[in-house]
């Protein structure tokens, strides 16, 4: 990796971060992209190239069930959309 690439990645995720919260948010975005988004886009491209329709979405709605459980900076965790897609009765303890 060249220093130019490192500089561009740093600028994309850190930008002009002036507070610890901005640094945290930048690192969380970078890690989310690295561990989820890049591989999901790669798989979507394989499906597309095989001639299949592909639908891609990003869920960002913070569920009210996170109040008091997760820090305020957490928007929607992995799998948070399940309650919205299938309905709350499918969550443990709500049946």
Protein backbone atom coordinates (compact mmCIF):
# COMPACT_ATOMS: atom_id res chain seq x y z
CA UNK A 1 0.00 0.00 0.00
CA UNK A 2 1.40 3.37 -0.97
CA UNK A 3 1.42 6.39 1.29
CA UNK A 4 -0.97 8.06 -1.17
CA UNK A 5 -3.54 5.32 -0.59
CA UNK A 6 -3.09 5.53 3.18
CA UNK A 7 -3.52 9.31 3.03
CA UNK A 8 -6.72 9.02 0.97
CA UNK A 9 -8.20 6.40 3.28
CA UNK A 10 -7.32 8.46 6.34
CA UNK A 11 -8.89 11.57 4.81
CA UNK A 12 -12.05 9.63 3.87
CA UNK A 13 -12.68 8.29 7.36
CA UNK A 14 -10.99 10.79 9.66
CA UNK A 15 -11.23 13.95 7.61
CA UNK A 16 -10.75 16.86 9.96
CA UNK A 17 -11.75 15.03 13.14
CA UNK A 18 -11.45 17.40 16.07
CA UNK A 19 -12.86 15.34 18.91
CA UNK A 20 -12.54 11.82 20.25
CA UNK A 21 -16.16 11.17 19.19
CA UNK A 22 -15.35 12.09 15.58
CA UNK A 23 -12.29 9.81 15.62
CA UNK A 24 -14.44 7.00 17.06
CA UNK A 25 -17.11 7.49 14.39
CA UNK A 26 -14.47 7.49 11.63
CA UNK A 27 -12.91 4.28 12.93
CA UNK A 28 -16.32 2.61 13.24
CA UNK A 29 -17.16 3.59 9.65
CA UNK A 30 -13.80 2.26 8.42
CA UNK A 31 -14.20 -1.02 10.29
CA UNK A 32 -17.79 -1.44 9.13
CA UNK A 33 -16.76 -0.90 5.52
CA UNK A 34 -13.81 -3.26 5.86
CA UNK A 35 -15.67 -6.10 7.57
CA UNK A 36 -19.16 -5.82 6.05
CA UNK A 37 -19.52 -3.51 3.07
CA UNK A 38 -16.53 -4.54 0.95
CA UNK A 39 -17.31 -8.25 1.16
CA UNK A 40 -21.05 -7.66 0.64
CA UNK A 41 -20.37 -5.61 -2.50
CA UNK A 42 -18.02 -8.32 -3.76
CA UNK A 43 -20.65 -11.05 -3.29
CA UNK A 44 -23.31 -8.83 -4.90
CA UNK A 45 -21.06 -8.40 -7.95
CA UNK A 46 -20.61 -12.17 -8.26
CA UNK A 47 -24.38 -12.64 -8.22
CA UNK A 48 -24.84 -9.82 -10.73
CA UNK A 49 -22.16 -11.25 -13.02
CA UNK A 50 -23.94 -14.62 -12.89
CA UNK A 51 -27.04 -12.90 -14.31
CA UNK A 52 -29.05 -12.65 -11.12
CA UNK A 53 -30.85 -9.55 -9.86
CA UNK A 54 -29.17 -7.98 -6.85
CA UNK A 55 -30.68 -5.68 -4.25
CA UNK A 56 -28.47 -3.84 -1.79
CA UNK A 57 -29.57 -1.75 1.16
CA UNK A 58 -28.15 -0.03 4.22
CA UNK A 59 -30.34 0.03 7.30
CA UNK A 60 -29.70 3.04 9.55
CA UNK A 61 -32.83 3.38 11.69
CA UNK A 62 -32.04 3.18 15.40
CA UNK A 63 -34.58 0.86 17.03
CA UNK A 64 -36.17 2.17 20.22
CA UNK A 65 -35.22 -1.14 21.85
CA UNK A 66 -31.60 0.08 21.94
CA UNK A 67 -32.45 2.87 24.39
CA UNK A 68 -30.48 2.29 27.58
CA UNK A 69 -28.82 -0.79 26.05
CA UNK A 70 -26.45 0.61 23.44
CA UNK A 71 -24.56 3.92 23.38
CA UNK A 72 -26.24 6.81 21.56
CA UNK A 73 -23.66 6.73 18.72
CA UNK A 74 -24.85 3.23 17.73
CA UNK A 75 -27.39 3.64 14.94
CA UNK A 76 -28.48 0.17 13.86
CA UNK A 77 -26.50 -2.92 14.75
CA UNK A 78 -26.00 -5.87 12.43
CA UNK A 79 -29.37 -7.61 12.13
CA UNK A 80 -31.38 -4.73 13.61
CA UNK A 81 -33.63 -4.66 10.55
CA UNK A 82 -35.01 -8.15 11.29
CA UNK A 83 -37.62 -6.82 13.71
CA UNK A 84 -38.77 -4.33 11.08
CA UNK A 85 -38.84 -6.86 8.23
CA UNK A 86 -40.47 -9.82 10.02
CA UNK A 87 -42.16 -8.08 12.94
CA UNK A 88 -41.38 -7.80 16.60
CA UNK A 89 -43.02 -11.12 17.61
CA UNK A 90 -39.99 -12.92 16.19
CA UNK A 91 -37.69 -11.37 18.81
CA UNK A 92 -36.82 -13.54 21.83
CA UNK A 93 -39.00 -12.88 24.84
CA UNK A 94 -41.74 -11.11 22.90
CA UNK A 95 -43.69 -14.18 21.83
